[in-house]
Amino acid sequence: MGAVDIAGSGAVHLIGGSAAMASAMMLGPRLGRYDNGTDPLPLGNPVNAVMGLFVLWWGWLAFNSGSTYGLSGAKWHYAARAAVMTMMSTFGGGTVSIIYTMLKLKGKINAMDIINGILGSLVSITGGCFLYQGWQALLIGSIGALLVCVSMPLFDKIGIDDPVGASAVHGIGGIWGVLSVGIFAQNPFPLDTTSGRSGLLMGGGWYLLGVQCVTVVCLLTWGLLSTMVLLWLINKFIIIRMDVHVELLGADLTEHLVKHGHVGVSRALSAFRPVLDTTSVEQLKDVGLNPGHDKHLDMVKTLAKKRRYKLSKILRDITRNNNLGINLAKNLVRKAKKKENQTKEASEKLKTNIMSPLNETKNVPHIAWME
């Protein structure tokens, strides 16, 4: 039939997105997920999520470019084109996702919208990465990002709890990526990628678009049904949903012995202490916390209780007098000499003042990296 899917908008992403949706449907929502509405929950670690986006973004270039399976003949040209079109699509997708989240939140930016919008544009361009021109890549990426951002809350509306939006990013983005080939694809002569056919808007007629539509239906059906059957069989031997008490305590704690602070773990432990032995768990150290901060936070609380202390004065007192390991920029670089005839004795005295311990001089901040 001549279906075209160069780097996997369908075979990789649509299959993965449909499998994610099937898995979320069979597992069911997290406990209490929709008790207070369908608004998204806050990210566990936005910084790590953004770092993951950049790792994927970088890897996508090699993934799409490498789908020419070589550099001989005209392949190097289309490999380079795939890389450029991949970046062009993310420019459009990133811009649209920023505009979308700012309009939705009245000038604020939600990291989840930006991340999934850019990923949606990457998924959308993957199916025909070297078959497009620059403006087409921008348009495909923009539409893909918009579809993903709009569809993410719709899954929550129908009760499908997909914590990272995989169903929207890979499922919806994958569908659009496969269909885009049938609309915008050009014949990459002398390569035989499209069997000499072009997309609808490139004068190729309806054939390629029709084939791509059939491809979407087949892949979506296969992904949903195969995942449901596999999970149903696995569930007969290993229960795929964790126990209620394990979910309340958190899989990080129960499966990996990683104890997070300030995420409800203490309350969960208190609730289960009468019926479970929590001794070994309570001895674990919290991750993401610096125990050395406690005394300094207590100092701030003490200062804040005094009426004569305002925020600016508290910060000055902490930074200048009760140094908490803070390195001021002006203290990291030795002051320039005001006079060229400055004596060696004065220079040595300045060096001594900087290197002297905090308990010897209270006015010079402690510089941690000099130890």
Protein backbone atom coordinates (compact mmCIF):
# COMPACT_ATOMS: atom_id res chain seq x y z
CA MET A 1 0.00 0.00 0.00
CA GLY A 2 2.94 2.31 0.48
CA ALA A 3 2.49 3.63 4.02
CA VAL A 4 5.25 6.10 5.01
CA ASP A 5 6.62 6.44 8.54
CA ILE A 6 10.29 7.39 8.35
CA ALA A 7 11.37 7.57 11.99
CA GLY A 8 8.36 6.21 13.84
CA SER A 9 5.49 8.65 14.44
CA GLY A 10 3.26 5.61 14.09
CA ALA A 11 5.34 2.50 14.75
CA VAL A 12 7.06 4.02 17.81
CA HIS A 13 4.93 6.84 19.19
CA LEU A 14 1.37 5.94 18.21
CA ILE A 15 1.87 2.38 19.43
CA GLY A 16 3.42 3.71 22.65
CA GLY A 17 0.69 6.32 23.15
CA SER A 18 -2.13 3.84 22.61
CA ALA A 19 -0.40 1.38 24.95
CA ALA A 20 -0.10 4.13 27.57
CA MET A 21 -3.81 4.93 27.28
CA ALA A 22 -4.76 1.26 27.55
CA SER A 23 -2.52 0.85 30.61
CA ALA A 24 -3.95 3.94 32.30
CA MET A 25 -7.49 2.69 31.65
CA MET A 26 -6.77 -0.75 33.11
CA LEU A 27 -4.89 0.57 36.16
CA GLY A 28 -7.45 3.24 36.96
CA PRO A 29 -6.81 6.68 38.50
CA ARG A 30 -4.49 7.21 41.42
CA LEU A 31 -6.17 7.30 44.84
CA GLY A 32 -7.96 10.61 45.28
CA ARG A 33 -6.84 11.91 41.88
CA TYR A 34 -10.20 13.40 40.96
CA ASP A 35 -11.57 14.13 44.44
CA ASN A 36 -10.86 17.85 43.99
CA GLY A 37 -11.52 18.16 40.28
CA THR A 38 -9.50 17.39 37.17
CA ASP A 39 -6.80 20.06 37.46
CA PRO A 40 -3.29 18.62 36.95
CA LEU A 41 -1.23 17.77 40.01
CA PRO A 42 2.09 19.62 40.53
CA LEU A 43 5.22 18.08 39.05
CA GLY A 44 7.34 16.03 41.43
CA ASN A 45 10.54 17.67 40.18
CA PRO A 46 10.14 20.30 37.42
CA VAL A 47 13.92 20.73 37.03
CA ASN A 48 14.45 17.03 36.30
CA ALA A 49 11.49 17.08 33.93
CA VAL A 50 13.00 19.94 31.92
CA MET A 51 16.38 18.21 31.89
CA GLY A 52 14.66 15.12 30.52
CA LEU A 53 13.15 17.25 27.75
CA PHE A 54 16.60 18.45 26.66
CA VAL A 55 17.98 14.90 26.68
CA LEU A 56 15.12 13.76 24.45
CA TRP A 57 15.42 16.86 22.25
CA TRP A 58 19.08 16.17 21.60
CA GLY A 59 18.54 12.46 20.99
CA TRP A 60 15.72 13.18 18.53
CA LEU A 61 18.18 14.79 16.12
CA ALA A 62 20.20 11.59 15.83
CA PHE A 63 17.07 9.47 15.80
CA ASN A 64 15.50 11.30 12.86
CA SER A 65 18.71 11.90 10.93
CA GLY A 66 19.79 8.30 11.32
CA SER A 67 16.56 7.10 9.74
CA THR A 68 18.07 7.59 6.28
CA TYR A 69 20.13 4.45 7.13
CA GLY A 70 23.31 5.82 5.60
CA LEU A 71 25.13 8.83 4.17
CA SER A 72 26.01 7.56 0.71
CA GLY A 73 24.62 9.12 -2.43
CA ALA A 74 21.84 11.60 -1.67
CA LYS A 75 21.24 10.21 1.83
CA TRP A 76 23.55 12.70 3.52
CA HIS A 77 21.48 15.54 2.09
CA TYR A 78 18.25 14.15 3.51
CA ALA A 79 19.91 13.27 6.84
CA ALA A 80 20.92 16.91 7.25
CA ARG A 81 17.46 18.01 6.16
CA ALA A 82 15.88 15.75 8.77
CA ALA A 83 17.92 17.43 11.52
CA VAL A 84 16.99 20.94 10.36
CA MET A 85 13.29 20.13 9.97
CA THR A 86 13.27 18.51 13.40
CA MET A 87 14.55 21.73 14.97
CA MET A 88 12.18 23.86 12.89
CA SER A 89 9.19 21.91 14.16
CA THR A 90 10.24 22.44 17.79
CA PHE A 91 10.57 26.19 17.19
CA GLY A 92 6.93 26.25 16.15
CA GLY A 93 5.83 23.84 18.86
CA GLY A 94 7.69 25.63 21.63
CA THR A 95 6.29 29.03 20.59
CA VAL A 96 2.72 27.75 20.42
CA SER A 97 2.97 25.97 23.78
CA ILE A 98 4.31 29.12 25.46
CA ILE A 99 1.48 31.20 24.01
CA TYR A 100 -1.05 28.55 25.01
CA THR A 101 0.07 28.29 28.63
CA MET A 102 0.34 32.07 29.04
CA LEU A 103 -3.18 32.58 27.70
CA LYS A 104 -4.52 29.78 29.90
CA LEU A 105 -2.80 31.01 33.06
CA LYS A 106 -3.05 34.76 32.36
CA GLY A 107 0.62 35.45 31.84
CA LYS A 108 2.07 32.56 33.86
CA ILE A 109 3.90 29.56 32.42
CA ASN A 110 3.23 25.92 33.28
CA ALA A 111 6.35 23.79 32.74
CA MET A 112 4.24 20.72 31.90
CA ASP A 113 2.61 22.52 28.95
CA ILE A 114 5.98 23.63 27.59
CA ILE A 115 7.57 20.20 27.95
CA ASN A 116 4.72 18.25 26.39
CA GLY A 117 4.14 20.87 23.70
CA ILE A 118 7.73 20.58 22.48
CA LEU A 119 7.62 16.80 22.72
CA GLY A 120 4.37 16.83 20.74
CA SER A 121 6.04 18.80 17.96
CA LEU A 122 8.94 16.33 17.91
CA VAL A 123 6.59 13.37 17.68
CA SER A 124 4.65 15.08 14.88
CA ILE A 125 7.69 15.70 12.67
CA THR A 126 9.15 12.23 13.12
CA GLY A 127 7.01 10.42 10.55
CA GLY A 128 8.18 12.49 7.58
CA CYS A 129 11.18 14.37 8.96
CA PHE A 130 13.05 14.80 5.63
CA LEU A 131 9.98 15.08 3.38
CA TYR A 132 9.08 18.65 4.37
CA GLN A 133 10.12 22.22 3.70
CA GLY A 134 10.88 24.67 6.50
CA TRP A 135 7.45 26.33 6.63
CA GLN A 136 5.78 22.95 6.62
CA ALA A 137 7.90 21.75 9.55
CA LEU A 138 6.99 24.90 11.50
CA LEU A 139 3.29 24.37 10.79
CA ILE A 140 3.34 20.65 11.61
CA GLY A 141 5.19 21.26 14.89
CA SER A 142 2.85 24.12 15.86
CA ILE A 143 -0.29 22.09 15.20
CA GLY A 144 1.18 19.06 16.98
CA ALA A 145 2.00 21.08 20.09
CA LEU A 146 -1.46 22.67 20.14
CA LEU A 147 -3.20 19.29 19.76
CA VAL A 148 -1.16 17.84 22.64
CA CYS A 149 -1.72 20.79 24.98
CA VAL A 150 -5.46 20.83 24.30
CA SER A 151 -5.94 17.05 24.51
CA MET A 152 -4.07 16.53 27.81
CA PRO A 153 -6.88 17.91 30.03
CA LEU A 154 -9.46 16.06 27.91
CA PHE A 155 -8.06 12.70 29.02
CA ASP A 156 -8.59 13.80 32.63
CA LYS A 157 -12.13 14.90 31.78
CA ILE A 158 -13.01 11.34 30.77
CA GLY A 159 -11.29 9.83 33.81
CA ILE A 160 -8.07 8.52 32.21
CA ASP A 161 -5.32 9.37 34.69
CA ASP A 162 -2.14 9.68 32.64
CA PRO A 163 0.40 11.30 35.02
CA VAL A 164 2.95 12.35 32.37
CA GLY A 165 0.62 12.87 29.42
CA ALA A 166 2.01 9.99 27.35
CA SER A 167 -1.37 9.30 25.75
CA ALA A 168 -1.58 12.87 24.47
CA VAL A 169 2.08 13.37 23.52
CA HIS A 170 2.70 10.05 21.80
CA GLY A 171 -0.86 9.09 20.91
CA ILE A 172 -2.36 12.34 19.60
CA GLY A 173 1.04 13.59 18.39
CA GLY A 174 1.67 10.27 16.67
CA ILE A 175 -1.68 10.36 14.84
CA TRP A 176 -0.98 13.87 13.57
CA GLY A 177 2.56 12.88 12.58
CA VAL A 178 1.35 9.98 10.43
CA LEU A 179 -1.42 12.04 8.80
CA SER A 180 0.96 14.95 8.12
CA VAL A 181 2.88 12.76 5.69
CA GLY A 182 -0.24 12.31 3.60
CA ILE A 183 -0.82 16.06 3.54
CA PHE A 184 2.61 17.70 3.19
CA ALA A 185 5.08 15.05 1.99
CA GLN A 186 7.26 15.65 -1.06
CA ASN A 187 8.79 12.94 -3.23
CA PRO A 188 12.43 12.72 -2.00
CA PHE A 189 14.03 11.93 -5.34
CA PRO A 190 16.20 9.87 -5.86
CA LEU A 191 15.15 8.03 -2.66
CA ASP A 192 12.18 5.70 -2.91
CA THR A 193 10.76 6.54 0.51
CA THR A 194 7.28 7.49 -0.73
CA SER A 195 7.29 5.23 -3.82
CA GLY A 196 7.23 8.33 -5.98
CA ARG A 197 4.10 9.78 -4.34
CA SER A 198 3.51 13.19 -2.78
CA GLY A 199 1.06 14.51 -0.21
CA LEU A 200 -2.33 16.07 -0.84
CA LEU A 201 -1.15 19.70 -0.78
CA MET A 202 1.90 18.87 -2.88
CA GLY A 203 -0.22 17.72 -5.82
CA GLY A 204 -0.16 14.01 -5.03
CA GLY A 205 -3.89 13.52 -4.65
CA TRP A 206 -5.74 11.61 -1.93
CA TYR A 207 -4.05 8.23 -2.21
CA LEU A 208 -1.17 8.75 0.22
CA LEU A 209 -3.43 10.48 2.76
CA GLY A 210 -5.89 7.57 2.56
CA VAL A 211 -3.11 5.06 3.16
CA GLN A 212 -1.89 7.06 6.15
CA CYS A 213 -5.43 7.12 7.60
CA VAL A 214 -5.65 3.33 7.32
CA THR A 215 -2.23 3.11 8.97
CA VAL A 216 -3.44 5.16 11.93
CA VAL A 217 -6.48 2.93 12.44
CA CYS A 218 -4.41 -0.27 12.25
CA LEU A 219 -1.69 0.93 14.62
CA LEU A 220 -4.15 2.39 17.12
CA THR A 221 -6.19 -0.80 17.19
CA TRP A 222 -3.11 -3.00 17.56
CA GLY A 223 -1.65 -0.88 20.35
CA LEU A 224 -4.85 -0.81 22.39
CA LEU A 225 -5.85 -4.44 22.00
CA SER A 226 -2.40 -6.00 22.39
CA THR A 227 -1.69 -3.98 25.54
CA MET A 228 -5.01 -4.84 27.12
CA VAL A 229 -4.56 -8.55 26.42
CA LEU A 230 -1.00 -8.58 27.74
CA LEU A 231 -1.88 -6.69 30.93
CA TRP A 232 -4.92 -8.91 31.49
CA LEU A 233 -2.71 -12.00 31.28
CA ILE A 234 0.01 -10.52 33.48
CA ASN A 235 -2.59 -9.51 36.06
CA LYS A 236 -3.56 -13.18 36.41
CA PHE A 237 -0.09 -13.93 37.79
CA ILE A 238 1.20 -10.59 39.10
CA ILE A 239 -1.27 -7.92 40.23
CA ILE A 240 -0.47 -4.85 38.15
CA ARG A 241 -1.97 -2.39 40.65
CA MET A 242 -0.14 -1.88 43.93
CA ASP A 243 -1.88 -2.33 47.28
CA VAL A 244 -3.68 0.64 48.80
CA HIS A 245 -1.26 1.05 51.71
CA VAL A 246 1.73 0.79 49.37
CA GLU A 247 0.31 3.51 47.14
CA LEU A 248 -0.34 5.78 50.10
CA LEU A 249 3.21 5.36 51.38
CA GLY A 250 4.61 5.75 47.87
CA ALA A 251 6.46 3.33 45.61
CA ASP A 252 9.73 5.22 46.08
CA LEU A 253 9.62 4.33 49.74
CA THR A 254 8.19 0.82 49.58
CA GLU A 255 9.99 -0.40 46.47
CA HIS A 256 13.28 1.55 46.48
CA LEU A 257 13.73 2.71 50.10
CA VAL A 258 13.90 6.36 49.01
CA LYS A 259 12.27 8.60 51.61
CA HIS A 260 11.10 12.01 50.44
CA GLY A 261 10.43 14.81 52.86
CA HIS A 262 7.43 17.13 52.86
CA VAL A 263 5.34 15.00 50.49
CA GLY A 264 2.97 13.39 52.97
CA VAL A 265 5.24 10.47 53.86
CA SER A 266 5.28 11.37 57.57
CA ARG A 267 1.48 11.48 57.72
CA ALA A 268 1.24 8.14 55.93
CA LEU A 269 3.74 6.55 58.32
CA SER A 270 1.81 7.90 61.31
CA ALA A 271 -1.42 6.44 59.98
CA PHE A 272 0.03 2.97 59.33
CA ARG A 273 2.29 2.78 62.41
CA PRO A 274 -0.33 0.96 64.54
CA VAL A 275 -0.78 -1.81 61.95
CA LEU A 276 2.59 -2.01 60.19
CA ASP A 277 6.19 -2.25 61.36
CA THR A 278 7.63 1.05 60.09
CA THR A 279 10.88 0.99 62.08
CA SER A 280 13.23 0.33 59.16
CA VAL A 281 11.51 2.91 57.00
CA GLU A 282 11.60 5.65 59.60
CA GLN A 283 15.37 5.22 59.96
CA LEU A 284 15.90 6.24 56.33
CA LYS A 285 17.21 9.74 55.63
CA ASP A 286 15.02 12.12 53.64
CA VAL A 287 16.21 12.87 50.11
CA GLY A 288 16.28 16.39 48.76
CA LEU A 289 16.91 17.93 52.18
CA ASN A 290 20.02 19.37 53.78
CA PRO A 291 19.92 18.73 57.55
CA GLY A 292 22.43 21.54 58.00
CA HIS A 293 19.80 24.04 56.93
CA ASP A 294 17.73 23.53 60.06
CA LYS A 295 19.76 25.74 62.39
CA HIS A 296 19.93 28.50 59.80
CA LEU A 297 16.19 28.38 59.18
CA ASP A 298 15.65 28.58 62.94
CA MET A 299 17.83 31.70 62.94
CA VAL A 300 15.67 33.30 60.27
CA LYS A 301 12.50 32.44 62.22
CA THR A 302 13.98 33.98 65.38
CA LEU A 303 14.95 37.17 63.60
CA ALA A 304 11.59 37.38 61.84
CA LYS A 305 9.74 37.34 65.18
CA LYS A 306 11.43 40.59 66.22
CA ARG A 307 9.39 43.57 65.09
CA ARG A 308 12.42 45.69 64.30
CA TYR A 309 13.59 43.14 61.72
CA LYS A 310 12.35 43.38 58.16
CA LEU A 311 13.23 41.07 55.28
CA SER A 312 16.04 43.28 53.99
CA LYS A 313 17.57 43.57 57.46
CA ILE A 314 17.32 39.82 58.05
CA LEU A 315 19.11 39.13 54.79
CA ARG A 316 21.82 41.68 55.62
CA ASP A 317 22.30 40.21 59.07
CA ILE A 318 22.54 36.65 57.74
CA THR A 319 24.85 37.52 54.88
CA ARG A 320 27.21 39.95 56.56
CA ASN A 321 27.30 38.95 60.18
CA ASN A 322 25.92 35.45 60.67
CA ASN A 323 27.27 34.07 57.41
CA LEU A 324 25.55 30.84 56.30
CA GLY A 325 28.10 29.73 53.77
CA ILE A 326 26.94 32.41 51.32
CA ASN A 327 29.68 33.72 49.06
CA LEU A 328 29.12 37.31 48.00
CA ALA A 329 30.48 38.10 44.57
CA LYS A 330 32.51 41.00 45.93
CA ASN A 331 34.24 38.63 48.37
CA LEU A 332 35.20 36.04 45.77
CA VAL A 333 37.48 38.47 43.92
CA ARG A 334 40.19 40.46 45.64
CA LYS A 335 39.57 44.20 45.47
CA ALA A 336 41.67 46.08 42.95
CA LYS A 337 44.52 48.23 44.28
CA LYS A 338 43.58 51.86 44.56
CA LYS A 339 47.17 52.95 44.43
CA GLU A 340 50.05 51.45 42.48
CA ASN A 341 52.45 52.00 45.39
CA GLN A 342 50.40 49.87 47.81
CA THR A 343 52.80 48.18 50.21
CA LYS A 344 53.38 44.42 50.42
CA GLU A 345 52.39 44.50 54.08
CA ALA A 346 48.89 45.79 53.27
CA SER A 347 48.43 43.05 50.63
CA GLU A 348 49.41 40.33 53.10
CA LYS A 349 47.02 41.77 55.67
CA LEU A 350 44.14 41.66 53.17
CA LYS A 351 44.93 38.02 52.34
CA THR A 352 45.03 37.13 56.03
CA ASN A 353 41.63 38.74 56.63
CA ILE A 354 40.04 36.76 53.79
CA MET A 355 41.49 33.41 54.86
CA SER A 356 40.91 33.83 58.58
CA PRO A 357 38.20 31.59 60.11
CA LEU A 358 34.78 32.97 60.90
CA ASN A 359 35.27 32.61 64.64
CA GLU A 360 38.28 34.94 64.47
CA THR A 361 36.68 37.73 62.46
CA LYS A 362 32.96 38.26 62.27
CA ASN A 363 32.94 40.81 59.44
CA VAL A 364 34.52 38.62 56.73
CA PRO A 365 32.20 35.93 55.31
CA HIS A 366 33.34 32.35 55.28
CA ILE A 367 34.28 31.23 51.73
CA ALA A 368 33.45 27.57 51.46
CA TRP A 369 35.36 26.76 48.28
CA MET A 370 38.68 27.92 49.80
CA GLU A 371 38.71 25.07 52.33
